[in-house]
Amino acid sequence: MTSLSECTSAAFDWFFPSFCTQCQTPIKASQGICDCCLNDLPLLDLTAQANLLYRPDIAEFFPDCQFDHLIACAWYRAPFDHWLSQLKFSNQIFYKKALQQVIKQQLANSKACCEQWPELFIILPLHNERFLQRGYNQVAQTWGACLPANTLTLSCLKRDKKTKAQSTLSKAKRVKNVQGAFVCHEDLSGRTVAIVDDVMTTGATLNAATVALKEAGAEQVWAFVTCLTPLGR
């Protein structure tokens, strides 16, 4: 017997059709991209190397990582660059569902290959002033629904230092810009935790957050990001 929720969902799809962001094929309201287009996306192969810090090309691009493990969905190129920039700067939330499909798939692939998994996921925070200006944290928007609620926190890590936008700075200035930007007041002794961000360019922001978490006692810090975009690539 068809459940009430299934009937409601089917009716919603009928009256308010949704379309794939790539090919415009009709899809369910819960989706942002059809299965065919999802399978065609140029995603990083996490089954071949679950910790991307051990992949030679990525290790060359990001040689100074302070965190212990890196998981990313894709390189910052089409269509991900468009989806992320529109979500981040224009709040075009219909790209969120497509990104969440990608994130969920990559999380499942990675978890299947990892003997260990973080106990706590920490969304990289915005400074209060920037959050008030923007009105939302785009990382929380995309990743929040993809992670178990009991492992997710938005309050463990604080961004006390107001910094310039990293996108306008060189690598050396990025490092200096975020130095001491984060503080963690919770006891993380012996725990494996993960920082979650949208785009990693030099790793400076993630490194600064890692330092704060390890000072709070974290045994291992992992970095989960939607995309990688090495500076100058």
C-alpha atoms as a PDB file:
ATOM      1  CA  MET A   1       0.000   0.000   0.000  1.00  0.00           C
ATOM      2  CA  THR A   2       1.277   3.440  -0.891  1.00  0.00           C
ATOM      3  CA  SER A   3       1.941   5.588   2.175  1.00  0.00           C
ATOM      4  CA  LEU A   4       0.446   9.019   2.671  1.00  0.00           C
ATOM      5  CA  SER A   5       3.900  10.635   2.466  1.00  0.00           C
ATOM      6  CA  GLU A   6       4.587   8.932  -0.881  1.00  0.00           C
ATOM      7  CA  CYS A   7       1.231  10.123  -2.249  1.00  0.00           C
ATOM      8  CA  THR A   8       1.906  13.649  -1.010  1.00  0.00           C
ATOM      9  CA  SER A   9       5.363  13.615  -2.581  1.00  0.00           C
ATOM     10  CA  ALA A  10       3.996  12.329  -5.897  1.00  0.00           C
ATOM     11  CA  ALA A  11       1.314  15.032  -5.913  1.00  0.00           C
ATOM     12  CA  PHE A  12       3.884  17.724  -5.163  1.00  0.00           C
ATOM     13  CA  ASP A  13       6.074  16.495  -8.030  1.00  0.00           C
ATOM     14  CA  TRP A  14       3.051  16.586 -10.345  1.00  0.00           C
ATOM     15  CA  PHE A  15       1.901  20.101  -9.496  1.00  0.00           C
ATOM     16  CA  PHE A  16       5.364  21.614  -8.929  1.00  0.00           C
ATOM     17  CA  PRO A  17       7.770  19.738 -11.235  1.00  0.00           C
ATOM     18  CA  SER A  18      11.509  19.943 -10.655  1.00  0.00           C
ATOM     19  CA  PHE A  19      14.158  19.656 -13.350  1.00  0.00           C
ATOM     20  CA  CYS A  20      17.758  18.487 -13.419  1.00  0.00           C
ATOM     21  CA  THR A  21      20.194  21.416 -13.199  1.00  0.00           C
ATOM     22  CA  GLN A  22      22.251  19.821 -15.987  1.00  0.00           C
ATOM     23  CA  CYS A  23      19.925  18.346 -18.613  1.00  0.00           C
ATOM     24  CA  GLN A  24      16.516  19.709 -17.527  1.00  0.00           C
ATOM     25  CA  THR A  25      15.027  16.221 -17.267  1.00  0.00           C
ATOM     26  CA  PRO A  26      12.081  16.054 -14.828  1.00  0.00           C
ATOM     27  CA  ILE A  27      13.214  14.781 -11.411  1.00  0.00           C
ATOM     28  CA  LYS A  28      11.800  14.368  -7.912  1.00  0.00           C
ATOM     29  CA  ALA A  29      11.473  17.446  -5.735  1.00  0.00           C
ATOM     30  CA  SER A  30      14.039  15.943  -3.355  1.00  0.00           C
ATOM     31  CA  GLN A  31      16.674  15.894  -6.116  1.00  0.00           C
ATOM     32  CA  GLY A  32      18.682  18.601  -7.857  1.00  0.00           C
ATOM     33  CA  ILE A  33      20.246  16.453 -10.547  1.00  0.00           C
ATOM     34  CA  CYS A  34      19.136  13.282 -12.322  1.00  0.00           C
ATOM     35  CA  ASP A  35      20.914   9.966 -11.768  1.00  0.00           C
ATOM     36  CA  CYS A  36      22.417   9.948 -15.270  1.00  0.00           C
ATOM     37  CA  CYS A  37      24.008  13.376 -14.851  1.00  0.00           C
ATOM     38  CA  LEU A  38      25.131  12.509 -11.332  1.00  0.00           C
ATOM     39  CA  ASN A  39      26.973   9.476 -12.669  1.00  0.00           C
ATOM     40  CA  ASP A  40      28.629  11.627 -15.358  1.00  0.00           C
ATOM     41  CA  LEU A  41      30.055  14.212 -12.948  1.00  0.00           C
ATOM     42  CA  PRO A  42      33.880  14.342 -12.688  1.00  0.00           C
ATOM     43  CA  LEU A  43      34.128  13.321  -9.032  1.00  0.00           C
ATOM     44  CA  LEU A  44      37.321  12.408  -7.209  1.00  0.00           C
ATOM     45  CA  ASP A  45      37.762   8.654  -6.806  1.00  0.00           C
ATOM     46  CA  LEU A  46      37.696   8.089  -3.055  1.00  0.00           C
ATOM     47  CA  THR A  47      37.618   4.324  -3.402  1.00  0.00           C
ATOM     48  CA  ALA A  48      41.137   4.361  -4.874  1.00  0.00           C
ATOM     49  CA  GLN A  49      42.542   6.666  -2.171  1.00  0.00           C
ATOM     50  CA  ALA A  50      40.324   7.467   0.802  1.00  0.00           C
ATOM     51  CA  ASN A  51      42.844   9.951   2.254  1.00  0.00           C
ATOM     52  CA  LEU A  52      43.575  12.415  -0.530  1.00  0.00           C
ATOM     53  CA  LEU A  53      46.680  13.692   1.287  1.00  0.00           C
ATOM     54  CA  TYR A  54      48.372  10.522   0.049  1.00  0.00           C
ATOM     55  CA  ARG A  55      47.519  11.164  -3.597  1.00  0.00           C
ATOM     56  CA  PRO A  56      50.733  12.482  -5.197  1.00  0.00           C
ATOM     57  CA  ASP A  57      49.199  15.306  -7.230  1.00  0.00           C
ATOM     58  CA  ILE A  58      47.140  16.580  -4.296  1.00  0.00           C
ATOM     59  CA  ALA A  59      50.092  16.267  -1.912  1.00  0.00           C
ATOM     60  CA  GLU A  60      52.084  18.423  -4.333  1.00  0.00           C
ATOM     61  CA  PHE A  61      49.375  21.091  -4.494  1.00  0.00           C
ATOM     62  CA  PHE A  62      48.886  21.135  -0.705  1.00  0.00           C
ATOM     63  CA  PRO A  63      52.250  20.335   0.924  1.00  0.00           C
ATOM     64  CA  ASP A  64      51.743  22.062   4.298  1.00  0.00           C
ATOM     65  CA  CYS A  65      48.538  20.523   5.670  1.00  0.00           C
ATOM     66  CA  GLN A  66      48.295  20.391   9.465  1.00  0.00           C
ATOM     67  CA  PHE A  67      45.233  18.114   9.417  1.00  0.00           C
ATOM     68  CA  ASP A  68      45.610  14.350   9.197  1.00  0.00           C
ATOM     69  CA  HIS A  69      43.086  13.275   6.582  1.00  0.00           C
ATOM     70  CA  LEU A  70      41.481  14.958   3.565  1.00  0.00           C
ATOM     71  CA  ILE A  71      38.239  14.049   1.812  1.00  0.00           C
ATOM     72  CA  ALA A  72      36.913  16.118  -1.108  1.00  0.00           C
ATOM     73  CA  CYS A  73      34.142  15.589  -3.626  1.00  0.00           C
ATOM     74  CA  ALA A  74      35.644  17.141  -6.761  1.00  0.00           C
ATOM     75  CA  TRP A  75      37.938  19.745  -8.258  1.00  0.00           C
ATOM     76  CA  TYR A  76      36.555  23.289  -8.345  1.00  0.00           C
ATOM     77  CA  ARG A  77      35.500  23.347 -11.971  1.00  0.00           C
ATOM     78  CA  ALA A  78      32.288  23.101 -13.971  1.00  0.00           C
ATOM     79  CA  PRO A  79      29.632  22.574 -12.845  1.00  0.00           C
ATOM     80  CA  PHE A  80      30.715  22.769  -9.194  1.00  0.00           C
ATOM     81  CA  ASP A  81      32.285  26.242  -9.433  1.00  0.00           C
ATOM     82  CA  HIS A  82      29.011  27.673 -10.713  1.00  0.00           C
ATOM     83  CA  TRP A  83      26.863  25.831  -8.167  1.00  0.00           C
ATOM     84  CA  LEU A  84      29.015  26.880  -5.220  1.00  0.00           C
ATOM     85  CA  SER A  85      29.476  30.506  -6.237  1.00  0.00           C
ATOM     86  CA  GLN A  86      25.760  30.964  -6.896  1.00  0.00           C
ATOM     87  CA  LEU A  87      24.882  29.389  -3.563  1.00  0.00           C
ATOM     88  CA  LYS A  88      27.548  31.273  -1.616  1.00  0.00           C
ATOM     89  CA  PHE A  89      27.149  34.774  -3.037  1.00  0.00           C
ATOM     90  CA  SER A  90      23.609  34.811  -4.457  1.00  0.00           C
ATOM     91  CA  ASN A  91      21.858  32.294  -2.176  1.00  0.00           C
ATOM     92  CA  GLN A  92      20.616  30.327  -5.189  1.00  0.00           C
ATOM     93  CA  ILE A  93      19.457  27.464  -3.018  1.00  0.00           C
ATOM     94  CA  PHE A  94      18.170  25.230  -5.836  1.00  0.00           C
ATOM     95  CA  TYR A  95      21.809  24.189  -6.387  1.00  0.00           C
ATOM     96  CA  LYS A  96      21.938  22.942  -2.804  1.00  0.00           C
ATOM     97  CA  LYS A  97      20.098  19.702  -3.580  1.00  0.00           C
ATOM     98  CA  ALA A  98      22.500  18.774  -6.388  1.00  0.00           C
ATOM     99  CA  LEU A  99      25.484  19.446  -4.137  1.00  0.00           C
ATOM    100  CA  GLN A 100      23.939  17.365  -1.368  1.00  0.00           C
ATOM    101  CA  GLN A 101      23.497  14.414  -3.724  1.00  0.00           C
ATOM    102  CA  VAL A 102      27.194  14.628  -4.598  1.00  0.00           C
ATOM    103  CA  ILE A 103      28.249  14.989  -0.952  1.00  0.00           C
ATOM    104  CA  LYS A 104      26.136  12.037   0.218  1.00  0.00           C
ATOM    105  CA  GLN A 105      27.534   9.818  -2.516  1.00  0.00           C
ATOM    106  CA  GLN A 106      31.139  10.779  -1.756  1.00  0.00           C
ATOM    107  CA  LEU A 107      30.640  10.363   1.984  1.00  0.00           C
ATOM    108  CA  ALA A 108      29.299   6.841   1.440  1.00  0.00           C
ATOM    109  CA  ASN A 109      32.202   5.951  -0.860  1.00  0.00           C
ATOM    110  CA  SER A 110      34.748   7.282   1.601  1.00  0.00           C
ATOM    111  CA  LYS A 111      33.238   5.733   4.716  1.00  0.00           C
ATOM    112  CA  ALA A 112      33.193   2.317   3.040  1.00  0.00           C
ATOM    113  CA  CYS A 113      36.972   2.547   2.574  1.00  0.00           C
ATOM    114  CA  CYS A 114      37.929   3.952   5.994  1.00  0.00           C
ATOM    115  CA  GLU A 115      38.607   1.839   9.060  1.00  0.00           C
ATOM    116  CA  GLN A 116      38.235   4.931  11.266  1.00  0.00           C
ATOM    117  CA  TRP A 117      35.659   7.706  11.050  1.00  0.00           C
ATOM    118  CA  PRO A 118      35.334  11.087  12.832  1.00  0.00           C
ATOM    119  CA  GLU A 119      33.236  11.233  15.982  1.00  0.00           C
ATOM    120  CA  LEU A 120      32.386  14.905  15.541  1.00  0.00           C
ATOM    121  CA  PHE A 121      31.852  17.098  12.468  1.00  0.00           C
ATOM    122  CA  ILE A 122      32.467  20.831  12.850  1.00  0.00           C
ATOM    123  CA  ILE A 123      31.084  23.226  10.257  1.00  0.00           C
ATOM    124  CA  LEU A 124      33.712  25.910   9.630  1.00  0.00           C
ATOM    125  CA  PRO A 125      32.192  29.042  11.199  1.00  0.00           C
ATOM    126  CA  LEU A 126      31.886  32.507   9.752  1.00  0.00           C
ATOM    127  CA  HIS A 127      32.772  35.563  11.814  1.00  0.00           C
ATOM    128  CA  ASN A 128      29.577  36.925  13.420  1.00  0.00           C
ATOM    129  CA  GLU A 129      29.722  40.129  11.392  1.00  0.00           C
ATOM    130  CA  ARG A 130      30.050  38.259   8.080  1.00  0.00           C
ATOM    131  CA  PHE A 131      27.270  35.874   9.061  1.00  0.00           C
ATOM    132  CA  LEU A 132      24.955  38.809   9.794  1.00  0.00           C
ATOM    133  CA  GLN A 133      25.835  40.410   6.455  1.00  0.00           C
ATOM    134  CA  ARG A 134      25.231  37.222   4.463  1.00  0.00           C
ATOM    135  CA  GLY A 135      22.440  35.826   6.590  1.00  0.00           C
ATOM    136  CA  TYR A 136      23.476  32.188   6.257  1.00  0.00           C
ATOM    137  CA  ASN A 137      26.434  29.819   6.305  1.00  0.00           C
ATOM    138  CA  GLN A 138      26.550  28.122   2.891  1.00  0.00           C
ATOM    139  CA  VAL A 139      28.610  25.218   4.263  1.00  0.00           C
ATOM    140  CA  ALA A 140      25.941  24.429   6.862  1.00  0.00           C
ATOM    141  CA  GLN A 141      23.283  24.701   4.149  1.00  0.00           C
ATOM    142  CA  THR A 142      24.873  22.024   1.994  1.00  0.00           C
ATOM    143  CA  TRP A 143      26.538  19.693   4.504  1.00  0.00           C
ATOM    144  CA  GLY A 144      24.100  19.919   7.423  1.00  0.00           C
ATOM    145  CA  ALA A 145      21.563  17.496   5.980  1.00  0.00           C
ATOM    146  CA  CYS A 146      24.270  15.061   4.838  1.00  0.00           C
ATOM    147  CA  LEU A 147      25.696  14.284   8.281  1.00  0.00           C
ATOM    148  CA  PRO A 148      24.076  12.593  11.302  1.00  0.00           C
ATOM    149  CA  ALA A 149      22.645  15.293  13.553  1.00  0.00           C
ATOM    150  CA  ASN A 150      24.174  13.755  16.677  1.00  0.00           C
ATOM    151  CA  THR A 151      27.710  14.123  15.237  1.00  0.00           C
ATOM    152  CA  LEU A 152      27.312  17.671  13.896  1.00  0.00           C
ATOM    153  CA  THR A 153      28.121  20.886  15.762  1.00  0.00           C
ATOM    154  CA  LEU A 154      28.004  24.561  14.874  1.00  0.00           C
ATOM    155  CA  SER A 155      29.213  25.828  18.246  1.00  0.00           C
ATOM    156  CA  CYS A 156      32.426  23.934  19.053  1.00  0.00           C
ATOM    157  CA  LEU A 157      34.686  26.198  17.001  1.00  0.00           C
ATOM    158  CA  LYS A 158      34.505  29.993  17.117  1.00  0.00           C
ATOM    159  CA  ARG A 159      35.889  32.486  14.626  1.00  0.00           C
ATOM    160  CA  ASP A 160      37.006  35.297  16.905  1.00  0.00           C
ATOM    161  CA  LYS A 161      39.141  37.215  14.428  1.00  0.00           C
ATOM    162  CA  LYS A 162      37.553  39.170  11.596  1.00  0.00           C
ATOM    163  CA  THR A 163      39.593  38.440   8.475  1.00  0.00           C
ATOM    164  CA  LYS A 164      39.750  39.668   4.897  1.00  0.00           C
ATOM    165  CA  ALA A 165      38.242  37.516   2.167  1.00  0.00           C
ATOM    166  CA  GLN A 166      40.829  34.838   1.370  1.00  0.00           C
ATOM    167  CA  SER A 167      40.013  34.923  -2.349  1.00  0.00           C
ATOM    168  CA  THR A 168      41.784  38.275  -2.743  1.00  0.00           C
ATOM    169  CA  LEU A 169      45.078  37.216  -1.122  1.00  0.00           C
ATOM    170  CA  SER A 170      48.303  35.422  -2.025  1.00  0.00           C
ATOM    171  CA  LYS A 171      49.220  32.169  -0.267  1.00  0.00           C
ATOM    172  CA  ALA A 172      51.540  33.872   2.243  1.00  0.00           C
ATOM    173  CA  LYS A 173      48.949  36.535   3.029  1.00  0.00           C
ATOM    174  CA  ARG A 174      46.244  33.907   3.410  1.00  0.00           C
ATOM    175  CA  VAL A 175      48.272  32.152   6.106  1.00  0.00           C
ATOM    176  CA  LYS A 176      48.863  35.414   7.987  1.00  0.00           C
ATOM    177  CA  ASN A 177      45.248  36.510   7.528  1.00  0.00           C
ATOM    178  CA  VAL A 178      43.760  33.509   9.365  1.00  0.00           C
ATOM    179  CA  GLN A 179      46.520  32.989  11.938  1.00  0.00           C
ATOM    180  CA  GLY A 180      44.848  32.816  15.350  1.00  0.00           C
ATOM    181  CA  ALA A 181      41.413  33.315  13.811  1.00  0.00           C
ATOM    182  CA  PHE A 182      39.808  30.329  15.542  1.00  0.00           C
ATOM    183  CA  VAL A 183      39.347  29.247  19.133  1.00  0.00           C
ATOM    184  CA  CYS A 184      37.853  26.095  20.650  1.00  0.00           C
ATOM    185  CA  HIS A 185      36.724  26.115  24.293  1.00  0.00           C
ATOM    186  CA  GLU A 186      35.508  22.493  24.364  1.00  0.00           C
ATOM    187  CA  ASP A 187      37.601  19.582  25.594  1.00  0.00           C
ATOM    188  CA  LEU A 188      38.314  17.346  22.596  1.00  0.00           C
ATOM    189  CA  SER A 189      40.906  15.158  24.314  1.00  0.00           C
ATOM    190  CA  GLY A 190      41.583  11.977  22.365  1.00  0.00           C
ATOM    191  CA  ARG A 191      38.812  12.567  19.834  1.00  0.00           C
ATOM    192  CA  THR A 192      38.876  12.319  16.051  1.00  0.00           C
ATOM    193  CA  VAL A 193      37.067  15.352  14.653  1.00  0.00           C
ATOM    194  CA  ALA A 194      36.410  16.724  11.191  1.00  0.00           C
ATOM    195  CA  ILE A 195      36.290  20.295   9.902  1.00  0.00           C
ATOM    196  CA  VAL A 196      33.797  20.853   7.083  1.00  0.00           C
ATOM    197  CA  ASP A 197      34.247  23.596   4.456  1.00  0.00           C
ATOM    198  CA  ASP A 198      33.150  24.285   0.901  1.00  0.00           C
ATOM    199  CA  VAL A 199      36.374  25.061  -1.006  1.00  0.00           C
ATOM    200  CA  MET A 200      40.042  24.442  -0.148  1.00  0.00           C
ATOM    201  CA  THR A 201      42.492  26.638  -2.045  1.00  0.00           C
ATOM    202  CA  THR A 202      45.728  26.686  -0.026  1.00  0.00           C
ATOM    203  CA  GLY A 203      44.546  24.959   3.141  1.00  0.00           C
ATOM    204  CA  ALA A 204      45.422  28.013   5.257  1.00  0.00           C
ATOM    205  CA  THR A 205      41.957  28.371   6.807  1.00  0.00           C
ATOM    206  CA  LEU A 206      41.648  24.655   7.521  1.00  0.00           C
ATOM    207  CA  ASN A 207      45.163  24.636   8.997  1.00  0.00           C
ATOM    208  CA  ALA A 208      44.295  27.522  11.332  1.00  0.00           C
ATOM    209  CA  ALA A 209      41.166  25.698  12.480  1.00  0.00           C
ATOM    210  CA  THR A 210      43.179  22.487  12.929  1.00  0.00           C
ATOM    211  CA  VAL A 211      45.645  24.235  15.232  1.00  0.00           C
ATOM    212  CA  ALA A 212      42.776  25.419  17.466  1.00  0.00           C
ATOM    213  CA  LEU A 213      41.215  21.950  17.595  1.00  0.00           C
ATOM    214  CA  LYS A 214      44.483  20.201  18.399  1.00  0.00           C
ATOM    215  CA  GLU A 215      45.168  22.768  21.119  1.00  0.00           C
ATOM    216  CA  ALA A 216      41.799  21.687  22.544  1.00  0.00           C
ATOM    217  CA  GLY A 217      43.066  18.094  22.665  1.00  0.00           C
ATOM    218  CA  ALA A 218      41.855  16.551  19.392  1.00  0.00           C
ATOM    219  CA  GLU A 219      43.938  13.498  18.555  1.00  0.00           C
ATOM    220  CA  GLN A 220      43.198  13.647  14.834  1.00  0.00           C
ATOM    221  CA  VAL A 221      41.638  16.336  12.670  1.00  0.00           C
ATOM    222  CA  TRP A 222      40.142  15.484   9.297  1.00  0.00           C
ATOM    223  CA  ALA A 223      39.119  17.958   6.614  1.00  0.00           C
ATOM    224  CA  PHE A 224      35.987  17.420   4.543  1.00  0.00           C
ATOM    225  CA  VAL A 225      35.502  19.841   1.638  1.00  0.00           C
ATOM    226  CA  THR A 226      33.209  20.047  -1.352  1.00  0.00           C
ATOM    227  CA  CYS A 227      35.912  21.112  -3.797  1.00  0.00           C
ATOM    228  CA  LEU A 228      39.656  21.561  -4.193  1.00  0.00           C
ATOM    229  CA  THR A 229      41.021  24.532  -6.142  1.00  0.00           C
ATOM    230  CA  PRO A 230      44.822  24.941  -5.788  1.00  0.00           C
ATOM    231  CA  LEU A 231      45.916  28.576  -5.962  1.00  0.00           C
ATOM    232  CA  GLY A 232      46.941  29.426  -9.508  1.00  0.00           C
ATOM    233  CA  ARG A 233      45.673  26.159 -10.983  1.00  0.00           C
END
